[in-house]
Amino acid sequence: VTLTATKAANGTWSLDSTPTGVSIDPSTGVVSIGRDAVKDGSVVTAIGTDPYNNTASDNDTALADDLTPNAADAPDVLALAGGAVSSTPGADNIQQVISYTDESNTPVTLTATKAANGTWSLDSTPTGVSIDPSTGVVSIGRD
């Protein structure tokens, strides 16, 4: 499956199609592919293109689903270019607690919770913070 994420003139991101289990954060462009949308062990590749048509790529291998009852899957925190950060909950997580220091040097703790219907929400949404309700990916803006 090949998907194209595009940034509009107004700064919002969108996908050309959204298969089941795939979503995009419109403010950061982070594309989330759920564990049931990607084959375990397959390689996922992303190719970025800048305004000058230069490209760069990265890839990783999708890990096997770990649904063991005695160990939680670790969230994945990713520092993004430009100072933004995203945190993706582990595959079996129903909650993730995120702690960071904001630009005014104030400690912040956020709790993302997955409801029984599968949607994610945050206990608070400071300026520049958002959550993708379908994937639980929390995006913390650069400022």
C-alpha atoms as a PDB file:
ATOM      1  CA  VAL A   1       0.000   0.000   0.000  1.00  0.00           C
ATOM      2  CA  THR A   2       1.333   3.438  -0.894  1.00  0.00           C
ATOM      3  CA  LEU A   3      -0.071   6.540   0.780  1.00  0.00           C
ATOM      4  CA  THR A   4       0.750  10.182   0.089  1.00  0.00           C
ATOM      5  CA  ALA A   5       0.618  12.783   2.850  1.00  0.00           C
ATOM      6  CA  THR A   6       0.396  16.368   1.605  1.00  0.00           C
ATOM      7  CA  LYS A   7       0.791  19.672   3.455  1.00  0.00           C
ATOM      8  CA  ALA A   8      -1.690  22.298   2.250  1.00  0.00           C
ATOM      9  CA  ALA A   9      -0.938  26.004   1.920  1.00  0.00           C
ATOM     10  CA  ASN A  10      -2.727  26.591   5.258  1.00  0.00           C
ATOM     11  CA  GLY A  11      -0.291  24.191   7.006  1.00  0.00           C
ATOM     12  CA  THR A  12      -2.653  21.256   7.538  1.00  0.00           C
ATOM     13  CA  TRP A  13      -1.744  17.731   6.500  1.00  0.00           C
ATOM     14  CA  SER A  14      -3.957  15.152   4.781  1.00  0.00           C
ATOM     15  CA  LEU A  15      -3.687  11.683   3.241  1.00  0.00           C
ATOM     16  CA  ASP A  16      -4.756  10.764  -0.277  1.00  0.00           C
ATOM     17  CA  SER A  17      -6.567   7.745   1.206  1.00  0.00           C
ATOM     18  CA  THR A  18      -7.144   6.426   4.726  1.00  0.00           C
ATOM     19  CA  PRO A  19      -7.329   2.642   4.904  1.00  0.00           C
ATOM     20  CA  THR A  20      -8.716   1.117   8.095  1.00  0.00           C
ATOM     21  CA  GLY A  21      -6.235   1.567  10.933  1.00  0.00           C
ATOM     22  CA  VAL A  22      -4.345   4.441   9.274  1.00  0.00           C
ATOM     23  CA  SER A  23      -4.629   8.097  10.274  1.00  0.00           C
ATOM     24  CA  ILE A  24      -2.767  11.393  10.066  1.00  0.00           C
ATOM     25  CA  ASP A  25      -2.448  14.199  12.597  1.00  0.00           C
ATOM     26  CA  PRO A  26      -3.464  17.242  10.524  1.00  0.00           C
ATOM     27  CA  SER A  27      -1.312  19.627  12.571  1.00  0.00           C
ATOM     28  CA  THR A  28       1.964  17.644  12.576  1.00  0.00           C
ATOM     29  CA  GLY A  29       1.666  15.303   9.590  1.00  0.00           C
ATOM     30  CA  VAL A  30       2.467  12.265  11.745  1.00  0.00           C
ATOM     31  CA  VAL A  31       0.989   9.227  10.004  1.00  0.00           C
ATOM     32  CA  SER A  32      -0.036   6.384  12.315  1.00  0.00           C
ATOM     33  CA  ILE A  33      -0.427   2.847  11.024  1.00  0.00           C
ATOM     34  CA  GLY A  34      -2.206   0.621  13.554  1.00  0.00           C
ATOM     35  CA  ARG A  35      -0.985  -2.858  14.415  1.00  0.00           C
ATOM     36  CA  ASP A  36      -3.787  -4.502  12.423  1.00  0.00           C
ATOM     37  CA  ALA A  37      -3.038  -2.376   9.342  1.00  0.00           C
ATOM     38  CA  VAL A  38       0.571  -3.502   8.850  1.00  0.00           C
ATOM     39  CA  LYS A  39       1.972  -7.020   8.534  1.00  0.00           C
ATOM     40  CA  ASP A  40       4.330  -8.026  11.340  1.00  0.00           C
ATOM     41  CA  GLY A  41       7.921  -8.059  10.086  1.00  0.00           C
ATOM     42  CA  SER A  42       7.245  -5.981   6.986  1.00  0.00           C
ATOM     43  CA  VAL A  43       9.329  -2.915   6.157  1.00  0.00           C
ATOM     44  CA  VAL A  44       7.608   0.475   6.271  1.00  0.00           C
ATOM     45  CA  THR A  45       9.323   3.221   4.256  1.00  0.00           C
ATOM     46  CA  ALA A  46       8.641   6.959   4.254  1.00  0.00           C
ATOM     47  CA  ILE A  47      10.051   9.362   1.673  1.00  0.00           C
ATOM     48  CA  GLY A  48       9.898  13.097   2.381  1.00  0.00           C
ATOM     49  CA  THR A  49      10.129  15.787  -0.276  1.00  0.00           C
ATOM     50  CA  ASP A  50      11.059  19.422   0.444  1.00  0.00           C
ATOM     51  CA  PRO A  51       9.912  22.512  -1.530  1.00  0.00           C
ATOM     52  CA  TYR A  52      12.992  22.162  -3.769  1.00  0.00           C
ATOM     53  CA  ASN A  53      12.056  18.584  -4.718  1.00  0.00           C
ATOM     54  CA  ASN A  54      14.910  17.081  -2.670  1.00  0.00           C
ATOM     55  CA  THR A  55      14.029  13.778  -1.018  1.00  0.00           C
ATOM     56  CA  ALA A  56      15.110  11.884   2.076  1.00  0.00           C
ATOM     57  CA  SER A  57      13.846   8.552   3.368  1.00  0.00           C
ATOM     58  CA  ASP A  58      13.670   6.433   6.490  1.00  0.00           C
ATOM     59  CA  ASN A  59      12.340   2.953   7.140  1.00  0.00           C
ATOM     60  CA  ASP A  60      11.766   0.504   9.948  1.00  0.00           C
ATOM     61  CA  THR A  61      10.486  -3.031  10.349  1.00  0.00           C
ATOM     62  CA  ALA A  62       7.042  -3.484  11.887  1.00  0.00           C
ATOM     63  CA  LEU A  63       7.347  -5.400  15.138  1.00  0.00           C
ATOM     64  CA  ALA A  64       5.196  -8.406  15.987  1.00  0.00           C
ATOM     65  CA  ASP A  65       2.116  -7.711  18.092  1.00  0.00           C
ATOM     66  CA  ASP A  66       2.919  -8.360  21.737  1.00  0.00           C
ATOM     67  CA  LEU A  67      -0.284  -9.094  23.574  1.00  0.00           C
ATOM     68  CA  THR A  68       1.262 -10.796  26.594  1.00  0.00           C
ATOM     69  CA  PRO A  69      -0.791 -10.177  29.730  1.00  0.00           C
ATOM     70  CA  ASN A  70       2.224  -9.683  31.993  1.00  0.00           C
ATOM     71  CA  ALA A  71       4.065  -6.879  30.161  1.00  0.00           C
ATOM     72  CA  ALA A  72       2.866  -3.623  28.643  1.00  0.00           C
ATOM     73  CA  ASP A  73       4.194  -2.517  25.271  1.00  0.00           C
ATOM     74  CA  ALA A  74       6.305   0.645  25.616  1.00  0.00           C
ATOM     75  CA  PRO A  75       5.069   3.889  24.066  1.00  0.00           C
ATOM     76  CA  ASP A  76       7.241   5.313  21.291  1.00  0.00           C
ATOM     77  CA  VAL A  77       8.401   8.899  21.863  1.00  0.00           C
ATOM     78  CA  LEU A  78       9.803  10.584  18.777  1.00  0.00           C
ATOM     79  CA  ALA A  79      11.576  13.961  18.655  1.00  0.00           C
ATOM     80  CA  LEU A  80      10.661  15.565  15.336  1.00  0.00           C
ATOM     81  CA  ALA A  81      12.613  18.087  13.284  1.00  0.00           C
ATOM     82  CA  GLY A  82      11.813  21.622  14.349  1.00  0.00           C
ATOM     83  CA  GLY A  83      11.361  20.803  18.023  1.00  0.00           C
ATOM     84  CA  ALA A  84       7.995  19.005  18.028  1.00  0.00           C
ATOM     85  CA  VAL A  85       7.531  15.636  19.755  1.00  0.00           C
ATOM     86  CA  SER A  86       5.066  12.800  19.241  1.00  0.00           C
ATOM     87  CA  SER A  87       4.245   9.915  21.554  1.00  0.00           C
ATOM     88  CA  THR A  88       2.554   6.796  20.221  1.00  0.00           C
ATOM     89  CA  PRO A  89       0.980   4.442  22.759  1.00  0.00           C
ATOM     90  CA  GLY A  90       2.213   0.848  22.880  1.00  0.00           C
ATOM     91  CA  ALA A  91       0.098  -1.663  20.956  1.00  0.00           C
ATOM     92  CA  ASP A  92      -1.654  -2.943  24.085  1.00  0.00           C
ATOM     93  CA  ASN A  93      -1.782   0.355  25.994  1.00  0.00           C
ATOM     94  CA  ILE A  94      -5.062   1.737  27.276  1.00  0.00           C
ATOM     95  CA  GLN A  95      -3.338   4.709  28.897  1.00  0.00           C
ATOM     96  CA  GLN A  96      -0.118   6.655  28.493  1.00  0.00           C
ATOM     97  CA  VAL A  97       1.217   9.303  30.862  1.00  0.00           C
ATOM     98  CA  ILE A  98       3.470  11.884  29.210  1.00  0.00           C
ATOM     99  CA  SER A  99       5.694  14.244  31.190  1.00  0.00           C
ATOM    100  CA  TYR A 100       7.709  17.106  29.712  1.00  0.00           C
ATOM    101  CA  THR A 101       8.868  20.658  30.426  1.00  0.00           C
ATOM    102  CA  ASP A 102       7.152  23.372  28.379  1.00  0.00           C
ATOM    103  CA  GLU A 103       8.784  26.453  26.821  1.00  0.00           C
ATOM    104  CA  SER A 104       8.217  28.497  30.011  1.00  0.00           C
ATOM    105  CA  ASN A 105      10.142  25.848  32.014  1.00  0.00           C
ATOM    106  CA  THR A 106       6.967  24.501  33.657  1.00  0.00           C
ATOM    107  CA  PRO A 107       6.658  20.740  34.191  1.00  0.00           C
ATOM    108  CA  VAL A 108       3.607  19.283  32.405  1.00  0.00           C
ATOM    109  CA  THR A 109       2.032  15.847  32.829  1.00  0.00           C
ATOM    110  CA  LEU A 110      -0.662  14.652  30.429  1.00  0.00           C
ATOM    111  CA  THR A 111      -2.687  11.455  30.565  1.00  0.00           C
ATOM    112  CA  ALA A 112      -4.034   9.921  27.354  1.00  0.00           C
ATOM    113  CA  THR A 113      -6.757   7.328  27.910  1.00  0.00           C
ATOM    114  CA  LYS A 114      -8.368   4.839  25.527  1.00  0.00           C
ATOM    115  CA  ALA A 115     -12.125   4.510  26.048  1.00  0.00           C
ATOM    116  CA  ALA A 116     -14.062   1.255  25.761  1.00  0.00           C
ATOM    117  CA  ASN A 117     -15.169   2.291  22.244  1.00  0.00           C
ATOM    118  CA  GLY A 118     -11.500   2.565  21.164  1.00  0.00           C
ATOM    119  CA  THR A 119     -11.204   6.352  21.002  1.00  0.00           C
ATOM    120  CA  TRP A 120      -8.403   8.204  22.752  1.00  0.00           C
ATOM    121  CA  SER A 121      -8.623  11.462  24.691  1.00  0.00           C
ATOM    122  CA  LEU A 122      -6.373  13.681  26.813  1.00  0.00           C
ATOM    123  CA  ASP A 123      -7.124  14.844  30.351  1.00  0.00           C
ATOM    124  CA  SER A 124      -6.032  18.352  29.274  1.00  0.00           C
ATOM    125  CA  THR A 125      -4.886  19.966  26.029  1.00  0.00           C
ATOM    126  CA  PRO A 126      -2.375  22.760  26.561  1.00  0.00           C
ATOM    127  CA  THR A 127      -1.715  25.086  23.634  1.00  0.00           C
ATOM    128  CA  GLY A 128       0.134  23.245  20.876  1.00  0.00           C
ATOM    129  CA  VAL A 129      -0.833  19.764  22.127  1.00  0.00           C
ATOM    130  CA  SER A 130      -3.220  17.452  20.279  1.00  0.00           C
ATOM    131  CA  ILE A 131      -4.235  13.802  20.208  1.00  0.00           C
ATOM    132  CA  ASP A 132      -5.361  11.646  17.320  1.00  0.00           C
ATOM    133  CA  PRO A 133      -8.537  10.065  18.747  1.00  0.00           C
ATOM    134  CA  SER A 134      -8.253   6.967  16.557  1.00  0.00           C
ATOM    135  CA  THR A 135      -4.591   6.106  17.255  1.00  0.00           C
ATOM    136  CA  GLY A 136      -3.773   7.834  20.563  1.00  0.00           C
ATOM    137  CA  VAL A 137      -0.744   9.592  19.065  1.00  0.00           C
ATOM    138  CA  VAL A 138      -0.086  12.712  21.137  1.00  0.00           C
ATOM    139  CA  SER A 139       1.611  15.583  19.320  1.00  0.00           C
ATOM    140  CA  ILE A 140       3.404  18.304  21.241  1.00  0.00           C
ATOM    141  CA  GLY A 141       4.144  21.327  19.053  1.00  0.00           C
ATOM    142  CA  ARG A 142       7.520  22.960  18.889  1.00  0.00           C
ATOM    143  CA  ASP A 143       6.536  26.079  20.860  1.00  0.00           C
END
